[in-house]
Amino acid sequence: MDHLMREVRAFAEARDWQQFHTPKNLAMALAGEVGELLAEFQWLTPEQSAQVMSDLEAGVRVKAEIGDVMIYLTRLADVLGIDLTDAALTKLNEVAVRYPVDEARGSAAKR
């Protein structure tokens, strides 16, 4: 994760884009890219969505959109000084408490 963060930071610095990379702009760009990812799945059936990577053209588009999402998320975390791995593991631990395995296994009920 640190390697990706350094690469994305260097990419932005080489282009003098730090001036545009405010948290607000990055959050908005991230939302836009998530929207583009969602669009790839919008009208698919659940079965089609599970097989999307088997479709060569759709798979390439989904992979590219996930890459865009990851880049903007990584850049936003970098600008805000957030360790992405720590943030994700902290959240995972919180969710594990909210959804104990013995109570949540096989259930999609939200708490």
PDB file of N, CA and C in Angstrom:
ATOM      1  N   MET A   1       0.816  -1.197   0.000  1.00  0.00           N
ATOM      2  CA  MET A   1       0.000   0.000   0.000  1.00  0.00           C
ATOM      3  C   MET A   1       0.864   1.267   0.000  1.00  0.00           C
ATOM      4  N   ASP A   2       1.955   1.232   0.784  1.00  0.00           N
ATOM      5  CA  ASP A   2       2.851   2.391   0.813  1.00  0.00           C
ATOM      6  C   ASP A   2       3.457   2.652  -0.563  1.00  0.00           C
ATOM      7  N   HIS A   3       3.793   1.590  -1.279  1.00  0.00           N
ATOM      8  CA  HIS A   3       4.372   1.752  -2.609  1.00  0.00           C
ATOM      9  C   HIS A   3       3.377   2.451  -3.539  1.00  0.00           C
ATOM     10  N   LEU A   4       2.134   2.005  -3.517  1.00  0.00           N
ATOM     11  CA  LEU A   4       1.114   2.635  -4.361  1.00  0.00           C
ATOM     12  C   LEU A   4       0.941   4.101  -3.986  1.00  0.00           C
ATOM     13  N   MET A   5       0.903   4.389  -2.680  1.00  0.00           N
ATOM     14  CA  MET A   5       0.730   5.771  -2.240  1.00  0.00           C
ATOM     15  C   MET A   5       1.889   6.649  -2.730  1.00  0.00           C
ATOM     16  N   ARG A   6       3.099   6.118  -2.639  1.00  0.00           N
ATOM     17  CA  ARG A   6       4.254   6.895  -3.119  1.00  0.00           C
ATOM     18  C   ARG A   6       4.173   7.112  -4.632  1.00  0.00           C
ATOM     19  N   GLU A   7       3.758   6.084  -5.373  1.00  0.00           N
ATOM     20  CA  GLU A   7       3.638   6.207  -6.830  1.00  0.00           C
ATOM     21  C   GLU A   7       2.587   7.236  -7.224  1.00  0.00           C
ATOM     22  N   VAL A   8       1.450   7.204  -6.565  1.00  0.00           N
ATOM     23  CA  VAL A   8       0.373   8.153  -6.884  1.00  0.00           C
ATOM     24  C   VAL A   8       0.795   9.569  -6.521  1.00  0.00           C
ATOM     25  N   ARG A   9       1.459   9.719  -5.363  1.00  0.00           N
ATOM     26  CA  ARG A   9       1.951  11.040  -4.946  1.00  0.00           C
ATOM     27  C   ARG A   9       2.970  11.569  -5.956  1.00  0.00           C
ATOM     28  N   ALA A  10       3.910  10.741  -6.369  1.00  0.00           N
ATOM     29  CA  ALA A  10       4.930  11.161  -7.339  1.00  0.00           C
ATOM     30  C   ALA A  10       4.287  11.536  -8.673  1.00  0.00           C
ATOM     31  N   PHE A  11       3.281  10.790  -9.071  1.00  0.00           N
ATOM     32  CA  PHE A  11       2.558  11.092 -10.320  1.00  0.00           C
ATOM     33  C   PHE A  11       1.948  12.492 -10.253  1.00  0.00           C
ATOM     34  N   ALA A  12       1.302  12.795  -9.128  1.00  0.00           N
ATOM     35  CA  ALA A  12       0.665  14.104  -8.959  1.00  0.00           C
ATOM     36  C   ALA A  12       1.711  15.212  -8.872  1.00  0.00           C
ATOM     37  N   GLU A  13       2.780  14.964  -8.124  1.00  0.00           N
ATOM     38  CA  GLU A  13       3.821  15.987  -7.960  1.00  0.00           C
ATOM     39  C   GLU A  13       4.520  16.294  -9.285  1.00  0.00           C
ATOM     40  N   ALA A  14       4.774  15.271 -10.085  1.00  0.00           N
ATOM     41  CA  ALA A  14       5.444  15.473 -11.374  1.00  0.00           C
ATOM     42  C   ALA A  14       4.622  16.379 -12.289  1.00  0.00           C
ATOM     43  N   ARG A  15       3.317  16.390 -12.097  1.00  0.00           N
ATOM     44  CA  ARG A  15       2.426  17.196 -12.938  1.00  0.00           C
ATOM     45  C   ARG A  15       1.957  18.473 -12.237  1.00  0.00           C
ATOM     46  N   ASP A  16       2.497  18.707 -11.051  1.00  0.00           N
ATOM     47  CA  ASP A  16       2.106  19.864 -10.230  1.00  0.00           C
ATOM     48  C   ASP A  16       0.597  19.881 -10.003  1.00  0.00           C
ATOM     49  N   TRP A  17       0.040  18.704  -9.722  1.00  0.00           N
ATOM     50  CA  TRP A  17      -1.404  18.590  -9.502  1.00  0.00           C
ATOM     51  C   TRP A  17      -1.772  18.648  -8.024  1.00  0.00           C
ATOM     52  N   GLN A  18      -0.753  18.771  -7.152  1.00  0.00           N
ATOM     53  CA  GLN A  18      -1.087  18.831  -5.727  1.00  0.00           C
ATOM     54  C   GLN A  18      -2.031  19.991  -5.453  1.00  0.00           C
ATOM     55  N   GLN A  19      -1.847  21.099  -6.209  1.00  0.00           N
ATOM     56  CA  GLN A  19      -2.683  22.278  -5.996  1.00  0.00           C
ATOM     57  C   GLN A  19      -4.165  21.988  -6.246  1.00  0.00           C
ATOM     58  N   PHE A  20      -4.463  20.985  -7.040  1.00  0.00           N
ATOM     59  CA  PHE A  20      -5.862  20.638  -7.328  1.00  0.00           C
ATOM     60  C   PHE A  20      -6.373  19.513  -6.430  1.00  0.00           C
ATOM     61  N   HIS A  21      -5.466  18.861  -5.748  1.00  0.00           N
ATOM     62  CA  HIS A  21      -5.821  17.680  -4.960  1.00  0.00           C
ATOM     63  C   HIS A  21      -6.219  18.050  -3.534  1.00  0.00           C
ATOM     64  N   THR A  22      -7.255  18.859  -3.429  1.00  0.00           N
ATOM     65  CA  THR A  22      -7.830  19.152  -2.113  1.00  0.00           C
ATOM     66  C   THR A  22      -8.682  17.953  -1.710  1.00  0.00           C
ATOM     67  N   PRO A  23      -8.908  17.779  -0.414  1.00  0.00           N
ATOM     68  CA  PRO A  23      -9.787  16.669  -0.022  1.00  0.00           C
ATOM     69  C   PRO A  23     -11.146  16.717  -0.714  1.00  0.00           C
ATOM     70  N   LYS A  24     -11.708  17.925  -0.839  1.00  0.00           N
ATOM     71  CA  LYS A  24     -13.019  18.055  -1.500  1.00  0.00           C
ATOM     72  C   LYS A  24     -12.941  17.573  -2.947  1.00  0.00           C
ATOM     73  N   ASN A  25     -11.945  18.045  -3.692  1.00  0.00           N
ATOM     74  CA  ASN A  25     -11.839  17.653  -5.096  1.00  0.00           C
ATOM     75  C   ASN A  25     -11.592  16.153  -5.242  1.00  0.00           C
ATOM     76  N   LEU A  26     -10.757  15.623  -4.379  1.00  0.00           N
ATOM     77  CA  LEU A  26     -10.462  14.185  -4.463  1.00  0.00           C
ATOM     78  C   LEU A  26     -11.669  13.353  -4.083  1.00  0.00           C
ATOM     79  N   ALA A  27     -12.413  13.778  -3.064  1.00  0.00           N
ATOM     80  CA  ALA A  27     -13.619  13.035  -2.679  1.00  0.00           C
ATOM     81  C   ALA A  27     -14.642  13.061  -3.809  1.00  0.00           C
ATOM     82  N   MET A  28     -14.767  14.216  -4.468  1.00  0.00           N
ATOM     83  CA  MET A  28     -15.711  14.313  -5.588  1.00  0.00           C
ATOM     84  C   MET A  28     -15.255  13.452  -6.764  1.00  0.00           C
ATOM     85  N   ALA A  29     -13.960  13.462  -7.049  1.00  0.00           N
ATOM     86  CA  ALA A  29     -13.436  12.630  -8.130  1.00  0.00           C
ATOM     87  C   ALA A  29     -13.624  11.152  -7.813  1.00  0.00           C
ATOM     88  N   LEU A  30     -13.402  10.793  -6.552  1.00  0.00           N
ATOM     89  CA  LEU A  30     -13.607   9.405  -6.123  1.00  0.00           C
ATOM     90  C   LEU A  30     -15.061   8.997  -6.335  1.00  0.00           C
ATOM     91  N   ALA A  31     -15.985   9.863  -5.929  1.00  0.00           N
ATOM     92  CA  ALA A  31     -17.405   9.551  -6.109  1.00  0.00           C
ATOM     93  C   ALA A  31     -17.739   9.380  -7.591  1.00  0.00           C
ATOM     94  N   GLY A  32     -17.157  10.230  -8.434  1.00  0.00           N
ATOM     95  CA  GLY A  32     -17.389  10.108  -9.867  1.00  0.00           C
ATOM     96  C   GLY A  32     -16.902   8.773 -10.415  1.00  0.00           C
ATOM     97  N   GLU A  33     -15.727   8.363  -9.972  1.00  0.00           N
ATOM     98  CA  GLU A  33     -15.179   7.088 -10.444  1.00  0.00           C
ATOM     99  C   GLU A  33     -15.992   5.899  -9.909  1.00  0.00           C
ATOM    100  N   VAL A  34     -16.465   5.996  -8.683  1.00  0.00           N
ATOM    101  CA  VAL A  34     -17.334   4.936  -8.145  1.00  0.00           C
ATOM    102  C   VAL A  34     -18.616   4.866  -8.984  1.00  0.00           C
ATOM    103  N   GLY A  35     -19.128   6.024  -9.383  1.00  0.00           N
ATOM    104  CA  GLY A  35     -20.305   6.046 -10.245  1.00  0.00           C
ATOM    105  C   GLY A  35     -20.037   5.348 -11.580  1.00  0.00           C
ATOM    106  N   GLU A  36     -18.854   5.569 -12.135  1.00  0.00           N
ATOM    107  CA  GLU A  36     -18.507   4.906 -13.395  1.00  0.00           C
ATOM    108  C   GLU A  36     -18.395   3.397 -13.198  1.00  0.00           C
ATOM    109  N   LEU A  37     -17.892   2.982 -12.047  1.00  0.00           N
ATOM    110  CA  LEU A  37     -17.830   1.542 -11.744  1.00  0.00           C
ATOM    111  C   LEU A  37     -19.236   0.970 -11.611  1.00  0.00           C
ATOM    112  N   LEU A  38     -20.094   1.699 -10.901  1.00  0.00           N
ATOM    113  CA  LEU A  38     -21.475   1.238 -10.747  1.00  0.00           C
ATOM    114  C   LEU A  38     -22.170   1.104 -12.095  1.00  0.00           C
ATOM    115  N   ALA A  39     -21.894   2.027 -13.000  1.00  0.00           N
ATOM    116  CA  ALA A  39     -22.525   1.997 -14.311  1.00  0.00           C
ATOM    117  C   ALA A  39     -22.221   0.698 -15.052  1.00  0.00           C
ATOM    118  N   GLU A  40     -21.047   0.141 -14.794  1.00  0.00           N
ATOM    119  CA  GLU A  40     -20.681  -1.124 -15.450  1.00  0.00           C
ATOM    120  C   GLU A  40     -21.579  -2.288 -14.997  1.00  0.00           C
ATOM    121  N   PHE A  41     -22.167  -2.146 -13.804  1.00  0.00           N
ATOM    122  CA  PHE A  41     -22.998  -3.220 -13.258  1.00  0.00           C
ATOM    123  C   PHE A  41     -24.488  -2.903 -13.282  1.00  0.00           C
ATOM    124  N   GLN A  42     -24.824  -1.675 -13.666  1.00  0.00           N
ATOM    125  CA  GLN A  42     -26.167  -1.152 -13.473  1.00  0.00           C
ATOM    126  C   GLN A  42     -27.282  -2.067 -13.960  1.00  0.00           C
ATOM    127  N   TRP A  43     -27.203  -2.585 -15.127  1.00  0.00           N
ATOM    128  CA  TRP A  43     -28.328  -3.338 -15.689  1.00  0.00           C
ATOM    129  C   TRP A  43     -28.052  -4.829 -15.790  1.00  0.00           C
ATOM    130  N   LEU A  44     -27.010  -5.273 -15.128  1.00  0.00           N
ATOM    131  CA  LEU A  44     -26.686  -6.698 -15.152  1.00  0.00           C
ATOM    132  C   LEU A  44     -27.539  -7.446 -14.132  1.00  0.00           C
ATOM    133  N   THR A  45     -27.842  -8.676 -14.426  1.00  0.00           N
ATOM    134  CA  THR A  45     -28.481  -9.530 -13.434  1.00  0.00           C
ATOM    135  C   THR A  45     -27.417  -9.908 -12.400  1.00  0.00           C
ATOM    136  N   PRO A  46     -27.828 -10.424 -11.244  1.00  0.00           N
ATOM    137  CA  PRO A  46     -26.824 -10.871 -10.283  1.00  0.00           C
ATOM    138  C   PRO A  46     -25.860 -11.897 -10.895  1.00  0.00           C
ATOM    139  N   GLU A  47     -26.395 -12.778 -11.706  1.00  0.00           N
ATOM    140  CA  GLU A  47     -25.557 -13.793 -12.337  1.00  0.00           C
ATOM    141  C   GLU A  47     -24.578 -13.169 -13.328  1.00  0.00           C
ATOM    142  N   GLN A  48     -25.049 -12.228 -14.124  1.00  0.00           N
ATOM    143  CA  GLN A  48     -24.161 -11.546 -15.078  1.00  0.00           C
ATOM    144  C   GLN A  48     -23.066 -10.767 -14.343  1.00  0.00           C
ATOM    145  N   SER A  49     -23.449 -10.137 -13.231  1.00  0.00           N
ATOM    146  CA  SER A  49     -22.447  -9.359 -12.488  1.00  0.00           C
ATOM    147  C   SER A  49     -21.354 -10.259 -11.922  1.00  0.00           C
ATOM    148  N   ALA A  50     -21.736 -11.469 -11.527  1.00  0.00           N
ATOM    149  CA  ALA A  50     -20.745 -12.404 -10.978  1.00  0.00           C
ATOM    150  C   ALA A  50     -19.782 -12.902 -12.057  1.00  0.00           C
ATOM    151  N   GLN A  51     -20.215 -12.826 -13.296  1.00  0.00           N
ATOM    152  CA  GLN A  51     -19.395 -13.320 -14.411  1.00  0.00           C
ATOM    153  C   GLN A  51     -18.778 -12.196 -15.241  1.00  0.00           C
ATOM    154  N   VAL A  52     -18.851 -10.958 -14.759  1.00  0.00           N
ATOM    155  CA  VAL A  52     -18.449  -9.819 -15.580  1.00  0.00           C
ATOM    156  C   VAL A  52     -17.000  -9.916 -16.067  1.00  0.00           C
ATOM    157  N   MET A  53     -16.121 -10.524 -15.288  1.00  0.00           N
ATOM    158  CA  MET A  53     -14.723 -10.596 -15.704  1.00  0.00           C
ATOM    159  C   MET A  53     -14.507 -11.634 -16.803  1.00  0.00           C
ATOM    160  N   SER A  54     -15.523 -12.464 -17.061  1.00  0.00           N
ATOM    161  CA  SER A  54     -15.437 -13.420 -18.163  1.00  0.00           C
ATOM    162  C   SER A  54     -15.670 -12.743 -19.508  1.00  0.00           C
ATOM    163  N   ASP A  55     -16.324 -11.597 -19.479  1.00  0.00           N
ATOM    164  CA  ASP A  55     -16.556 -10.808 -20.692  1.00  0.00           C
ATOM    165  C   ASP A  55     -15.319  -9.930 -20.888  1.00  0.00           C
ATOM    166  N   LEU A  56     -14.556 -10.186 -21.924  1.00  0.00           N
ATOM    167  CA  LEU A  56     -13.279  -9.501 -22.094  1.00  0.00           C
ATOM    168  C   LEU A  56     -13.407  -7.980 -22.088  1.00  0.00           C
ATOM    169  N   GLU A  57     -14.359  -7.452 -22.850  1.00  0.00           N
ATOM    170  CA  GLU A  57     -14.497  -5.987 -22.918  1.00  0.00           C
ATOM    171  C   GLU A  57     -14.983  -5.412 -21.590  1.00  0.00           C
ATOM    172  N   ALA A  58     -16.011  -6.015 -21.021  1.00  0.00           N
ATOM    173  CA  ALA A  58     -16.532  -5.514 -19.744  1.00  0.00           C
ATOM    174  C   ALA A  58     -15.503  -5.684 -18.637  1.00  0.00           C
ATOM    175  N   GLY A  59     -14.786  -6.779 -18.652  1.00  0.00           N
ATOM    176  CA  GLY A  59     -13.769  -7.025 -17.642  1.00  0.00           C
ATOM    177  C   GLY A  59     -12.672  -5.973 -17.665  1.00  0.00           C
ATOM    178  N   VAL A  60     -12.274  -5.574 -18.854  1.00  0.00           N
ATOM    179  CA  VAL A  60     -11.245  -4.524 -18.984  1.00  0.00           C
ATOM    180  C   VAL A  60     -11.770  -3.204 -18.412  1.00  0.00           C
ATOM    181  N   ARG A  61     -13.036  -2.909 -18.712  1.00  0.00           N
ATOM    182  CA  ARG A  61     -13.615  -1.646 -18.206  1.00  0.00           C
ATOM    183  C   ARG A  61     -13.739  -1.675 -16.686  1.00  0.00           C
ATOM    184  N   VAL A  62     -14.204  -2.784 -16.128  1.00  0.00           N
ATOM    185  CA  VAL A  62     -14.349  -2.893 -14.673  1.00  0.00           C
ATOM    186  C   VAL A  62     -12.993  -2.764 -13.992  1.00  0.00           C
ATOM    187  N   LYS A  63     -12.002  -3.429 -14.531  1.00  0.00           N
ATOM    188  CA  LYS A  63     -10.655  -3.346 -13.949  1.00  0.00           C
ATOM    189  C   LYS A  63     -10.134  -1.910 -13.983  1.00  0.00           C
ATOM    190  N   ALA A  64     -10.358  -1.218 -15.101  1.00  0.00           N
ATOM    191  CA  ALA A  64      -9.909   0.173 -15.212  1.00  0.00           C
ATOM    192  C   ALA A  64     -10.631   1.065 -14.204  1.00  0.00           C
ATOM    193  N   GLU A  65     -11.925   0.854 -14.038  1.00  0.00           N
ATOM    194  CA  GLU A  65     -12.667   1.684 -13.080  1.00  0.00           C
ATOM    195  C   GLU A  65     -12.227   1.396 -11.650  1.00  0.00           C
ATOM    196  N   ILE A  66     -11.980   0.153 -11.326  1.00  0.00           N
ATOM    197  CA  ILE A  66     -11.476  -0.173  -9.987  1.00  0.00           C
ATOM    198  C   ILE A  66     -10.105   0.480  -9.779  1.00  0.00           C
ATOM    199  N   GLY A  67      -9.288   0.499 -10.819  1.00  0.00           N
ATOM    200  CA  GLY A  67      -7.996   1.182 -10.726  1.00  0.00           C
ATOM    201  C   GLY A  67      -8.167   2.670 -10.451  1.00  0.00           C
ATOM    202  N   ASP A  68      -9.120   3.306 -11.151  1.00  0.00           N
ATOM    203  CA  ASP A  68      -9.380   4.726 -10.909  1.00  0.00           C
ATOM    204  C   ASP A  68      -9.834   4.968  -9.472  1.00  0.00           C
ATOM    205  N   VAL A  69     -10.745   4.118  -8.996  1.00  0.00           N
ATOM    206  CA  VAL A  69     -11.242   4.255  -7.622  1.00  0.00           C
ATOM    207  C   VAL A  69     -10.091   4.111  -6.630  1.00  0.00           C
ATOM    208  N   MET A  70      -9.253   3.139  -6.864  1.00  0.00           N
ATOM    209  CA  MET A  70      -8.130   2.895  -5.955  1.00  0.00           C
ATOM    210  C   MET A  70      -7.155   4.071  -5.950  1.00  0.00           C
ATOM    211  N   ILE A  71      -6.889   4.625  -7.114  1.00  0.00           N
ATOM    212  CA  ILE A  71      -5.972   5.766  -7.203  1.00  0.00           C
ATOM    213  C   ILE A  71      -6.521   6.965  -6.442  1.00  0.00           C
ATOM    214  N   TYR A  72      -7.782   7.301  -6.679  1.00  0.00           N
ATOM    215  CA  TYR A  72      -8.351   8.465  -5.980  1.00  0.00           C
ATOM    216  C   TYR A  72      -8.466   8.199  -4.484  1.00  0.00           C
ATOM    217  N   LEU A  73      -8.837   6.994  -4.083  1.00  0.00           N
ATOM    218  CA  LEU A  73      -8.922   6.678  -2.655  1.00  0.00           C
ATOM    219  C   LEU A  73      -7.537   6.766  -2.007  1.00  0.00           C
ATOM    220  N   THR A  74      -6.546   6.245  -2.683  1.00  0.00           N
ATOM    221  CA  THR A  74      -5.177   6.293  -2.172  1.00  0.00           C
ATOM    222  C   THR A  74      -4.695   7.731  -2.050  1.00  0.00           C
ATOM    223  N   ARG A  75      -4.976   8.529  -3.065  1.00  0.00           N
ATOM    224  CA  ARG A  75      -4.548   9.932  -3.044  1.00  0.00           C
ATOM    225  C   ARG A  75      -5.267  10.711  -1.942  1.00  0.00           C
ATOM    226  N   LEU A  76      -6.563  10.469  -1.784  1.00  0.00           N
ATOM    227  CA  LEU A  76      -7.331  11.149  -0.734  1.00  0.00           C
ATOM    228  C   LEU A  76      -6.783  10.777   0.642  1.00  0.00           C
ATOM    229  N   ALA A  77      -6.516   9.513   0.855  1.00  0.00           N
ATOM    230  CA  ALA A  77      -5.960   9.076   2.144  1.00  0.00           C
ATOM    231  C   ALA A  77      -4.594   9.718   2.376  1.00  0.00           C
ATOM    232  N   ASP A  78      -3.785   9.812   1.337  1.00  0.00           N
ATOM    233  CA  ASP A  78      -2.458  10.421   1.462  1.00  0.00           C
ATOM    234  C   ASP A  78      -2.580  11.893   1.857  1.00  0.00           C
ATOM    235  N   VAL A  79      -3.432  12.614   1.171  1.00  0.00           N
ATOM    236  CA  VAL A  79      -3.604  14.043   1.455  1.00  0.00           C
ATOM    237  C   VAL A  79      -4.114  14.254   2.881  1.00  0.00           C
ATOM    238  N   LEU A  80      -4.974  13.356   3.355  1.00  0.00           N
ATOM    239  CA  LEU A  80      -5.538  13.483   4.699  1.00  0.00           C
ATOM    240  C   LEU A  80      -4.672  12.832   5.778  1.00  0.00           C
ATOM    241  N   GLY A  81      -3.585  12.183   5.377  1.00  0.00           N
ATOM    242  CA  GLY A  81      -2.700  11.541   6.345  1.00  0.00           C
ATOM    243  C   GLY A  81      -3.300  10.299   6.976  1.00  0.00           C
ATOM    244  N   ILE A  82      -4.109   9.595   6.212  1.00  0.00           N
ATOM    245  CA  ILE A  82      -4.754   8.377   6.712  1.00  0.00           C
ATOM    246  C   ILE A  82      -4.012   7.154   6.181  1.00  0.00           C
ATOM    247  N   ASP A  83      -3.678   6.254   7.076  1.00  0.00           N
ATOM    248  CA  ASP A  83      -3.101   4.968   6.689  1.00  0.00           C
ATOM    249  C   ASP A  83      -4.263   4.062   6.260  1.00  0.00           C
ATOM    250  N   LEU A  84      -4.345   3.784   4.967  1.00  0.00           N
ATOM    251  CA  LEU A  84      -5.490   3.041   4.434  1.00  0.00           C
ATOM    252  C   LEU A  84      -5.613   1.658   5.053  1.00  0.00           C
ATOM    253  N   THR A  85      -4.505   0.978   5.201  1.00  0.00           N
ATOM    254  CA  THR A  85      -4.562  -0.367   5.772  1.00  0.00           C
ATOM    255  C   THR A  85      -5.060  -0.307   7.208  1.00  0.00           C
ATOM    256  N   ASP A  86      -4.556   0.636   7.987  1.00  0.00           N
ATOM    257  CA  ASP A  86      -4.997   0.787   9.365  1.00  0.00           C
ATOM    258  C   ASP A  86      -6.476   1.147   9.414  1.00  0.00           C
ATOM    259  N   ALA A  87      -6.918   2.066   8.542  1.00  0.00           N
ATOM    260  CA  ALA A  87      -8.328   2.458   8.517  1.00  0.00           C
ATOM    261  C   ALA A  87      -9.225   1.271   8.196  1.00  0.00           C
ATOM    262  N   ALA A  88      -8.818   0.474   7.226  1.00  0.00           N
ATOM    263  CA  ALA A  88      -9.630  -0.677   6.830  1.00  0.00           C
ATOM    264  C   ALA A  88      -9.659  -1.733   7.932  1.00  0.00           C
ATOM    265  N   LEU A  89      -8.510  -1.994   8.543  1.00  0.00           N
ATOM    266  CA  LEU A  89      -8.477  -3.006   9.607  1.00  0.00           C
ATOM    267  C   LEU A  89      -9.248  -2.541  10.837  1.00  0.00           C
ATOM    268  N   THR A  90      -9.161  -1.260  11.153  1.00  0.00           N
ATOM    269  CA  THR A  90      -9.938  -0.718  12.271  1.00  0.00           C
ATOM    270  C   THR A  90     -11.428  -0.888  12.011  1.00  0.00           C
ATOM    271  N   LYS A  91     -11.857  -0.541  10.810  1.00  0.00           N
ATOM    272  CA  LYS A  91     -13.275  -0.678  10.458  1.00  0.00           C
ATOM    273  C   LYS A  91     -13.701  -2.139  10.464  1.00  0.00           C
ATOM    274  N   LEU A  92     -12.854  -3.012   9.954  1.00  0.00           N
ATOM    275  CA  LEU A  92     -13.179  -4.441   9.938  1.00  0.00           C
ATOM    276  C   LEU A  92     -13.378  -4.970  11.352  1.00  0.00           C
ATOM    277  N   ASN A  93     -12.535  -4.529  12.276  1.00  0.00           N
ATOM    278  CA  ASN A  93     -12.676  -4.942  13.674  1.00  0.00           C
ATOM    279  C   ASN A  93     -13.979  -4.425  14.277  1.00  0.00           C
ATOM    280  N   GLU A  94     -14.349  -3.183  13.946  1.00  0.00           N
ATOM    281  CA  GLU A  94     -15.616  -2.622  14.433  1.00  0.00           C
ATOM    282  C   GLU A  94     -16.804  -3.409  13.903  1.00  0.00           C
ATOM    283  N   VAL A  95     -16.762  -3.746  12.637  1.00  0.00           N
ATOM    284  CA  VAL A  95     -17.865  -4.492  12.023  1.00  0.00           C
ATOM    285  C   VAL A  95     -17.937  -5.909  12.591  1.00  0.00           C
ATOM    286  N   ALA A  96     -16.796  -6.474  12.912  1.00  0.00           N
ATOM    287  CA  ALA A  96     -16.773  -7.824  13.491  1.00  0.00           C
ATOM    288  C   ALA A  96     -17.479  -7.846  14.843  1.00  0.00           C
ATOM    289  N   VAL A  97     -17.352  -6.763  15.602  1.00  0.00           N
ATOM    290  CA  VAL A  97     -18.044  -6.673  16.891  1.00  0.00           C
ATOM    291  C   VAL A  97     -19.544  -6.541  16.669  1.00  0.00           C
ATOM    292  N   ARG A  98     -19.923  -5.736  15.680  1.00  0.00           N
ATOM    293  CA  ARG A  98     -21.340  -5.505  15.378  1.00  0.00           C
ATOM    294  C   ARG A  98     -21.998  -6.760  14.800  1.00  0.00           C
ATOM    295  N   TYR A  99     -21.233  -7.551  14.086  1.00  0.00           N
ATOM    296  CA  TYR A  99     -21.753  -8.753  13.427  1.00  0.00           C
ATOM    297  C   TYR A  99     -20.961  -9.979  13.880  1.00  0.00           C
ATOM    298  N   PRO A 100     -21.209 -10.464  15.103  1.00  0.00           N
ATOM    299  CA  PRO A 100     -20.491 -11.660  15.546  1.00  0.00           C
ATOM    300  C   PRO A 100     -20.805 -12.833  14.609  1.00  0.00           C
ATOM    301  N   VAL A 101     -19.824 -13.664  14.368  1.00  0.00           N
ATOM    302  CA  VAL A 101     -19.968 -14.767  13.419  1.00  0.00           C
ATOM    303  C   VAL A 101     -21.173 -15.632  13.758  1.00  0.00           C
ATOM    304  N   ASP A 102     -21.350 -15.954  15.040  1.00  0.00           N
ATOM    305  CA  ASP A 102     -22.433 -16.863  15.411  1.00  0.00           C
ATOM    306  C   ASP A 102     -23.814 -16.252  15.205  1.00  0.00           C
ATOM    307  N   GLU A 103     -23.907 -14.927  15.139  1.00  0.00           N
ATOM    308  CA  GLU A 103     -25.194 -14.276  14.919  1.00  0.00           C
ATOM    309  C   GLU A 103     -25.396 -13.825  13.469  1.00  0.00           C
ATOM    310  N   ALA A 104     -24.325 -13.571  12.773  1.00  0.00           N
ATOM    311  CA  ALA A 104     -24.436 -12.987  11.443  1.00  0.00           C
ATOM    312  C   ALA A 104     -24.226 -13.979  10.302  1.00  0.00           C
ATOM    313  N   ARG A 105     -23.708 -15.147  10.610  1.00  0.00           N
ATOM    314  CA  ARG A 105     -23.396 -16.118   9.550  1.00  0.00           C
ATOM    315  C   ARG A 105     -24.628 -16.438   8.713  1.00  0.00           C
ATOM    316  N   GLY A 106     -24.516 -16.181   7.408  1.00  0.00           N
ATOM    317  CA  GLY A 106     -25.587 -16.497   6.466  1.00  0.00           C
ATOM    318  C   GLY A 106     -26.714 -15.485   6.453  1.00  0.00           C
ATOM    319  N   SER A 107     -26.589 -14.394   7.180  1.00  0.00           N
ATOM    320  CA  SER A 107     -27.642 -13.380   7.245  1.00  0.00           C
ATOM    321  C   SER A 107     -27.143 -12.073   6.650  1.00  0.00           C
ATOM    322  N   ALA A 108     -27.987 -11.412   5.867  1.00  0.00           N
ATOM    323  CA  ALA A 108     -27.649 -10.103   5.312  1.00  0.00           C
ATOM    324  C   ALA A 108     -28.331  -8.989   6.096  1.00  0.00           C
ATOM    325  N   ALA A 109     -28.925  -9.323   7.241  1.00  0.00           N
ATOM    326  CA  ALA A 109     -29.620  -8.311   8.042  1.00  0.00           C
ATOM    327  C   ALA A 109     -28.632  -7.257   8.530  1.00  0.00           C
ATOM    328  N   LYS A 110     -29.025  -6.003   8.367  1.00  0.00           N
ATOM    329  CA  LYS A 110     -28.159  -4.883   8.779  1.00  0.00           C
ATOM    330  C   LYS A 110     -28.453  -4.519  10.229  1.00  0.00           C
ATOM    331  N   ARG A 111     -27.392  -4.182  10.980  1.00  0.00           N
ATOM    332  CA  ARG A 111     -27.530  -3.771  12.380  1.00  0.00           C
ATOM    333  C   ARG A 111     -27.118  -2.344  12.561  1.00  0.00           C
TER     334      ARG A 111
END
